[in-house]
Amino acid sequence: MKRREILRSLLAAAAITLTAPAGAQTLDKFPFRLNWTLYGEHAPFFVALDKGFYKDVGLDVEILEGSGSTTVAQLTANATNPVSYVDAATMMRGINAGMPIRAVGVTLQQSPMAFIYRADNPRPNKVAEIKDSRIAITAGDASLAIFTAFMGKLDMKVSDVKLVTVANPAAKEQAVLGGQADALLGYFMDQGPRMQLKSGVKMGWTRLYDMAGISTLSSAIIINNDWVKDPKNQDRLRRFLAASQRGWEYTRQHPDEAAEIFLKHAPAFNTEIALLEINGTLTITNTKHTEGKALFWSAKEDWQESQDLLEKYAGLTAQADLNKYYTNEYLAQPPYMPAKK
């Protein structure tokens, strides 16, 4: 009897060893700083986290909220957060100011920037209404670069609108809700729906692209150039990007599940708003130059167009070598299966 019990214990121990997941080894810590507080655009990263895609590649990813692209780009430049998620135009300005950063993947390849306003006061929703409109902004607002370019393309200046400068993003929203401003500049697929959810006031929005065909590359995953010189960090980065690409692909295929996953991390949302934001995000992940390419792969033509626009209308100093802005070398090709360590 005793022998049987010993044998049973040995077999049980063997079963545990055989069924232990490959990812049971020590995972590499990998903090990832977002551009802002949580909204639907971030859902695919949480899909990769919750579905175990990061663990599949040996990473323990911690997704951290941000406080604006300008601040987050600085955190990446000083290596506090060597990998982060920021607005591409803000990153380009940072590089021209000497920040040692570069994009390794572009998730949103068309600008989602829009005028967001109360539905009972839809202004401006056509070019003729822009002049003298009251637009709420925060100091150092990342949206000002593309807004300046937008105004320039329409043969207007930023001074043709009345900027209502407030202390923080919450005050910017309140200025619109309270009638102190006609509109704010924000992303069409998240800020308007979120304001509507929080306040109960029906919101509307008009994309700058729809008004003037104005667009630049938008959200990008960026890295610190010195950090990535380490081969170990290059390996971690490749694994992170492959798992993130897998998360974005899964989100496209399963948006309803992605919304439910996102709600676990952002309980202030509801399913309707989360799904609206996710589906809006998925409409702007490519340009005509990147159709059929791997997720996050960005084209030289789009970087050139973004630079030309910002140089002409927003005072950006042009880089002769566009490779200072971006690289596609760390991206995986589909299918985005777990990378081998």
Protein backbone atom coordinates (compact mmCIF):
# COMPACT_ATOMS: atom_id res chain seq x y z
CA MET A 1 0.00 0.00 0.00
CA LYS A 2 2.79 2.28 0.94
CA ARG A 3 4.56 1.50 -2.33
CA ARG A 4 1.42 2.41 -4.31
CA GLU A 5 1.14 5.75 -2.54
CA ILE A 6 4.79 6.54 -3.28
CA LEU A 7 4.28 5.59 -6.93
CA ARG A 8 1.13 7.74 -7.13
CA SER A 9 3.04 10.73 -5.67
CA LEU A 10 5.86 10.28 -8.17
CA LEU A 11 3.42 10.12 -11.08
CA ALA A 12 1.64 13.26 -9.86
CA ALA A 13 4.92 15.13 -9.60
CA ALA A 14 5.85 14.03 -13.10
CA ALA A 15 2.50 15.23 -14.43
CA ILE A 16 3.02 18.68 -12.89
CA THR A 17 6.45 18.90 -14.52
CA LEU A 18 5.14 17.81 -17.92
CA THR A 19 2.17 20.18 -17.91
CA ALA A 20 4.01 23.23 -16.54
CA PRO A 21 3.77 25.96 -19.18
CA ALA A 22 6.85 26.93 -21.12
CA GLY A 23 6.39 30.45 -19.77
CA ALA A 24 6.93 29.25 -16.20
CA GLN A 25 10.50 30.48 -16.46
CA THR A 26 11.32 33.90 -15.05
CA LEU A 27 9.69 36.56 -17.20
CA ASP A 28 11.55 39.69 -18.27
CA LYS A 29 10.08 42.84 -16.73
CA PHE A 30 8.89 45.25 -19.41
CA PRO A 31 7.18 48.53 -18.41
CA PHE A 32 5.27 50.29 -21.17
CA ARG A 33 4.08 53.88 -20.68
CA LEU A 34 0.94 55.01 -22.52
CA ASN A 35 0.42 58.52 -23.86
CA TRP A 36 -2.61 59.26 -21.68
CA THR A 37 -5.13 57.88 -19.24
CA LEU A 38 -6.96 54.82 -20.52
CA TYR A 39 -9.19 55.00 -23.56
CA GLY A 40 -10.32 52.56 -26.26
CA GLU A 41 -7.25 52.99 -28.46
CA HIS A 42 -5.25 51.24 -25.72
CA ALA A 43 -7.50 48.17 -25.65
CA PRO A 44 -5.33 46.00 -27.97
CA PHE A 45 -2.39 46.23 -25.56
CA PHE A 46 -4.61 44.97 -22.74
CA VAL A 47 -5.84 42.19 -25.03
CA ALA A 48 -2.21 41.12 -25.47
CA LEU A 49 -1.77 41.29 -21.71
CA ASP A 50 -4.92 39.40 -20.70
CA LYS A 51 -4.73 36.77 -23.45
CA GLY A 52 -1.20 35.92 -22.32
CA PHE A 53 0.47 37.01 -25.54
CA TYR A 54 3.21 38.86 -23.64
CA LYS A 55 3.80 35.91 -21.34
CA ASP A 56 3.99 33.65 -24.40
CA VAL A 57 7.10 35.55 -25.41
CA GLY A 58 8.60 35.62 -21.92
CA LEU A 59 7.64 39.16 -20.91
CA ASP A 60 6.04 40.52 -17.76
CA VAL A 61 4.55 43.70 -19.25
CA GLU A 62 3.28 46.47 -17.00
CA ILE A 63 1.08 48.97 -18.83
CA LEU A 64 1.34 52.41 -17.23
CA GLU A 65 -0.92 55.39 -17.83
CA GLY A 66 0.56 58.63 -19.20
CA SER A 67 -0.07 62.34 -18.85
CA GLY A 68 0.35 63.61 -22.41
CA SER A 69 2.70 62.87 -25.30
CA THR A 70 5.07 65.75 -24.53
CA THR A 71 5.70 64.53 -20.98
CA VAL A 72 5.90 60.86 -21.99
CA ALA A 73 8.38 61.60 -24.80
CA GLN A 74 10.61 63.28 -22.22
CA LEU A 75 10.35 60.22 -19.95
CA THR A 76 11.50 58.07 -22.84
CA ALA A 77 14.29 60.47 -23.77
CA ASN A 78 15.73 60.33 -20.23
CA ALA A 79 15.21 56.52 -20.12
CA THR A 80 12.77 56.64 -17.20
CA ASN A 81 10.41 54.76 -19.54
CA PRO A 82 12.57 53.50 -22.43
CA VAL A 83 9.53 52.24 -24.38
CA SER A 84 6.35 54.28 -24.63
CA TYR A 85 3.40 55.35 -26.74
CA VAL A 86 3.18 58.94 -28.00
CA ASP A 87 1.89 61.20 -30.75
CA ALA A 88 4.20 61.01 -33.78
CA ALA A 89 4.24 64.77 -34.44
CA THR A 90 5.22 65.39 -30.82
CA MET A 91 7.99 62.82 -31.15
CA MET A 92 9.26 64.49 -34.34
CA ARG A 93 9.51 67.83 -32.54
CA GLY A 94 11.32 66.13 -29.68
CA ILE A 95 13.86 64.58 -32.05
CA ASN A 96 14.50 67.98 -33.62
CA ALA A 97 15.07 69.32 -30.09
CA GLY A 98 17.73 66.67 -29.50
CA MET A 99 15.76 63.90 -27.78
CA PRO A 100 17.38 60.46 -28.36
CA ILE A 101 14.12 58.75 -29.36
CA ARG A 102 12.69 57.00 -32.43
CA ALA A 103 9.47 55.27 -33.51
CA VAL A 104 9.58 51.49 -33.88
CA GLY A 105 5.93 51.07 -34.85
CA VAL A 106 3.01 53.31 -35.80
CA THR A 107 -0.41 52.08 -34.74
CA LEU A 108 -2.57 55.00 -35.90
CA GLN A 109 -1.48 56.11 -39.36
CA GLN A 110 -4.12 58.74 -39.98
CA SER A 111 -4.78 61.62 -37.63
CA PRO A 112 -7.87 61.18 -35.45
CA MET A 113 -7.79 64.86 -34.46
CA ALA A 114 -11.20 66.50 -34.44
CA PHE A 115 -13.19 69.44 -33.16
CA ILE A 116 -15.32 68.04 -30.33
CA TYR A 117 -18.38 70.01 -29.30
CA ARG A 118 -21.78 69.72 -27.70
CA ALA A 119 -24.30 68.26 -30.14
CA ASP A 120 -26.65 71.13 -29.31
CA ASN A 121 -23.94 73.61 -30.36
CA PRO A 122 -22.10 71.96 -33.29
CA ARG A 123 -19.38 74.54 -33.93
CA PRO A 124 -17.16 74.49 -35.85
CA ASN A 125 -18.35 71.74 -38.17
CA LYS A 126 -17.60 73.56 -41.41
CA VAL A 127 -14.72 75.73 -42.57
CA ALA A 128 -16.80 78.95 -42.54
CA GLU A 129 -17.39 78.54 -38.79
CA ILE A 130 -13.75 78.13 -37.75
CA LYS A 131 -12.82 81.81 -37.58
CA ASP A 132 -13.57 83.34 -34.18
CA SER A 133 -14.59 79.98 -32.69
CA ARG A 134 -13.51 79.50 -29.07
CA ILE A 135 -11.20 76.46 -28.88
CA ALA A 136 -10.19 75.06 -25.50
CA ILE A 137 -6.58 73.91 -25.10
CA THR A 138 -4.10 73.13 -22.35
CA ALA A 139 -0.59 74.62 -22.15
CA GLY A 140 1.76 72.58 -24.36
CA ASP A 141 -1.19 70.79 -25.96
CA ALA A 142 0.16 68.16 -28.41
CA SER A 143 -2.77 68.86 -30.73
CA LEU A 144 -1.49 72.37 -31.50
CA ALA A 145 1.06 71.14 -34.06
CA ILE A 146 -1.48 69.56 -36.37
CA PHE A 147 -4.01 72.32 -35.65
CA THR A 148 -1.46 74.92 -36.76
CA ALA A 149 -0.88 72.95 -39.96
CA PHE A 150 -4.63 72.61 -40.46
CA MET A 151 -5.15 76.35 -40.14
CA GLY A 152 -2.23 77.07 -42.49
CA LYS A 153 -3.65 74.82 -45.17
CA LEU A 154 -6.89 76.79 -44.97
CA ASP A 155 -4.94 80.07 -45.32
CA MET A 156 -5.70 80.99 -41.73
CA LYS A 157 -3.64 81.41 -38.58
CA VAL A 158 -4.16 80.02 -35.12
CA SER A 159 -4.78 83.61 -34.02
CA ASP A 160 -7.95 83.55 -36.14
CA VAL A 161 -9.59 81.46 -33.42
CA LYS A 162 -9.97 82.37 -29.78
CA LEU A 163 -7.86 79.97 -27.75
CA VAL A 164 -9.24 79.30 -24.29
CA THR A 165 -6.21 78.07 -22.32
CA VAL A 166 -7.02 75.99 -19.26
CA ALA A 167 -4.98 74.16 -16.62
CA ASN A 168 -5.64 70.52 -17.47
CA PRO A 169 -7.60 68.19 -19.78
CA ALA A 170 -10.53 67.92 -17.39
CA ALA A 171 -10.87 71.72 -17.40
CA LYS A 172 -10.74 71.66 -21.20
CA GLU A 173 -13.72 69.33 -21.31
CA GLN A 174 -15.56 71.37 -18.70
CA ALA A 175 -15.05 74.55 -20.71
CA VAL A 176 -16.92 72.97 -23.62
CA LEU A 177 -19.62 71.41 -21.47
CA GLY A 178 -20.13 74.67 -19.57
CA GLY A 179 -20.25 76.86 -22.67
CA GLN A 180 -17.00 78.78 -22.06
CA ALA A 181 -15.59 77.26 -25.29
CA ASP A 182 -17.25 76.10 -28.49
CA ALA A 183 -15.01 73.08 -28.99
CA LEU A 184 -11.82 71.35 -27.96
CA LEU A 185 -9.29 69.48 -30.04
CA GLY A 186 -9.26 65.75 -29.36
CA TYR A 187 -9.45 62.29 -30.88
CA PHE A 188 -12.80 61.62 -32.57
CA MET A 189 -13.01 58.01 -31.39
CA ASP A 190 -12.42 58.57 -27.70
CA GLN A 191 -12.77 62.01 -26.18
CA GLY A 192 -16.24 62.77 -27.47
CA PRO A 193 -17.73 59.41 -26.49
CA ARG A 194 -16.04 59.57 -23.09
CA MET A 195 -17.35 63.07 -22.37
CA GLN A 196 -20.82 61.91 -23.35
CA LEU A 197 -20.53 58.93 -21.01
CA LYS A 198 -19.31 61.01 -18.06
CA SER A 199 -21.61 64.00 -18.42
CA GLY A 200 -24.73 62.60 -20.04
CA VAL A 201 -24.52 65.47 -22.56
CA LYS A 202 -24.71 64.33 -26.19
CA MET A 203 -21.49 65.23 -28.01
CA GLY A 204 -20.59 65.67 -31.67
CA TRP A 205 -17.32 65.93 -33.56
CA THR A 206 -15.83 66.77 -36.96
CA ARG A 207 -12.44 65.40 -38.04
CA LEU A 208 -9.87 67.89 -39.31
CA TYR A 209 -9.21 65.41 -42.12
CA ASP A 210 -12.82 65.64 -43.26
CA MET A 211 -12.70 69.46 -43.27
CA ALA A 212 -9.38 69.99 -45.05
CA GLY A 213 -7.78 66.62 -45.87
CA ILE A 214 -5.22 67.31 -43.17
CA SER A 215 -3.51 64.30 -41.62
CA THR A 216 -0.22 63.18 -40.16
CA LEU A 217 0.99 59.92 -38.72
CA SER A 218 -0.45 59.69 -35.23
CA SER A 219 0.16 57.28 -32.32
CA ALA A 220 3.52 55.52 -32.29
CA ILE A 221 5.50 53.15 -30.09
CA ILE A 222 8.83 54.85 -29.41
CA ILE A 223 12.11 53.83 -27.79
CA ASN A 224 15.16 55.43 -26.23
CA ASN A 225 18.02 55.17 -28.74
CA ASP A 226 20.66 54.39 -26.12
CA TRP A 227 18.53 51.74 -24.40
CA VAL A 228 18.03 49.84 -27.65
CA LYS A 229 21.78 49.55 -28.29
CA ASP A 230 21.88 46.68 -25.78
CA PRO A 231 21.25 43.39 -27.68
CA LYS A 232 19.21 42.09 -24.73
CA ASN A 233 16.90 45.08 -25.00
CA GLN A 234 16.62 44.60 -28.76
CA ASP A 235 15.47 41.05 -28.11
CA ARG A 236 12.92 42.18 -25.51
CA LEU A 237 11.68 44.87 -27.88
CA ARG A 238 11.16 42.41 -30.74
CA ARG A 239 9.17 40.13 -28.46
CA PHE A 240 7.09 43.01 -27.13
CA LEU A 241 6.26 44.26 -30.62
CA ALA A 242 5.35 40.79 -31.92
CA ALA A 243 3.00 40.18 -29.00
CA SER A 244 1.51 43.68 -29.37
CA GLN A 245 0.94 43.12 -33.09
CA ARG A 246 -0.79 39.87 -32.16
CA GLY A 247 -2.98 41.79 -29.68
CA TRP A 248 -4.01 44.34 -32.31
CA GLU A 249 -4.76 41.60 -34.83
CA TYR A 250 -6.86 39.72 -32.26
CA THR A 251 -8.73 42.94 -31.44
CA ARG A 252 -9.59 43.44 -35.11
CA GLN A 253 -10.95 39.89 -35.28
CA HIS A 254 -12.74 39.98 -31.91
CA PRO A 255 -13.74 43.61 -31.09
CA ASP A 256 -16.54 42.60 -28.71
CA GLU A 257 -14.19 40.44 -26.63
CA ALA A 258 -11.58 43.21 -26.74
CA ALA A 259 -14.14 45.63 -25.31
CA GLU A 260 -14.92 43.26 -22.43
CA ILE A 261 -11.22 42.82 -21.68
CA PHE A 262 -10.70 46.58 -21.74
CA LEU A 263 -13.57 47.14 -19.29
CA LYS A 264 -11.73 45.06 -16.69
CA HIS A 265 -8.95 47.66 -16.73
CA ALA A 266 -11.13 50.73 -17.33
CA PRO A 267 -14.32 50.10 -15.33
CA ALA A 268 -15.48 53.71 -15.75
CA PHE A 269 -16.37 52.82 -19.35
CA ASN A 270 -19.35 50.81 -20.53
CA THR A 271 -19.43 48.25 -23.33
CA GLU A 272 -21.08 50.59 -25.84
CA ILE A 273 -18.52 53.36 -25.47
CA ALA A 274 -15.55 50.97 -25.32
CA LEU A 275 -16.68 49.27 -28.53
CA LEU A 276 -17.28 52.61 -30.24
CA GLU A 277 -13.74 53.72 -29.40
CA ILE A 278 -12.17 50.42 -30.44
CA ASN A 279 -13.99 50.28 -33.77
CA GLY A 280 -13.09 53.91 -34.48
CA THR A 281 -9.44 53.18 -33.74
CA LEU A 282 -9.37 50.26 -36.16
CA THR A 283 -10.43 52.50 -39.09
CA ILE A 284 -7.19 54.50 -39.11
CA THR A 285 -4.40 51.91 -38.78
CA ASN A 286 -3.21 52.12 -42.41
CA THR A 287 -2.58 54.52 -45.26
CA LYS A 288 -2.52 53.77 -48.98
CA HIS A 289 1.23 53.21 -48.59
CA THR A 290 0.94 50.55 -45.88
CA GLU A 291 -2.01 48.42 -47.03
CA GLY A 292 -0.96 44.77 -46.94
CA LYS A 293 2.08 45.45 -44.76
CA ALA A 294 2.67 44.12 -41.25
CA LEU A 295 0.79 45.87 -38.46
CA PHE A 296 2.62 49.01 -37.21
CA TRP A 297 4.81 49.09 -40.38
CA SER A 298 5.16 52.71 -41.48
CA ALA A 299 6.07 54.05 -44.91
CA LYS A 300 8.76 56.57 -45.82
CA GLU A 301 6.18 58.42 -47.95
CA ASP A 302 3.93 58.99 -44.93
CA TRP A 303 6.80 60.25 -42.79
CA GLN A 304 7.78 62.59 -45.63
CA GLU A 305 4.21 63.88 -46.00
CA SER A 306 3.91 64.40 -42.24
CA GLN A 307 7.21 66.28 -42.11
CA ASP A 308 6.37 68.42 -45.16
CA LEU A 309 3.03 69.42 -43.66
CA LEU A 310 4.46 70.26 -40.24
CA GLU A 311 7.45 72.07 -41.78
CA LYS A 312 5.31 74.21 -44.07
CA TYR A 313 2.62 75.17 -41.61
CA ALA A 314 3.80 74.42 -38.08
CA GLY A 315 7.45 75.47 -38.02
CA LEU A 316 8.97 71.97 -37.83
CA THR A 317 12.65 71.83 -38.81
CA ALA A 318 12.99 69.20 -41.53
CA GLN A 319 15.29 66.22 -41.13
CA ALA A 320 17.26 65.31 -44.25
CA ASP A 321 17.39 61.69 -43.06
CA LEU A 322 13.89 60.42 -42.26
CA ASN A 323 15.41 57.35 -40.61
CA LYS A 324 16.00 59.56 -37.57
CA TYR A 325 12.26 59.39 -37.03
CA TYR A 326 11.53 55.70 -37.45
CA THR A 327 12.57 52.12 -38.15
CA ASN A 328 10.59 49.00 -39.06
CA GLU A 329 13.46 46.62 -38.27
CA TYR A 330 12.09 45.29 -34.96
CA LEU A 331 8.60 44.43 -36.21
CA ALA A 332 7.40 40.86 -36.74
CA GLN A 333 5.79 39.62 -39.92
CA PRO A 334 2.43 37.82 -39.80
CA PRO A 335 1.40 35.42 -38.45
CA TYR A 336 2.34 37.04 -35.12
CA MET A 337 3.08 33.85 -33.25
CA PRO A 338 5.20 33.69 -30.11
CA ALA A 339 8.79 34.61 -30.95
CA LYS A 340 11.49 32.19 -29.94
CA LYS A 341 13.79 33.42 -27.23
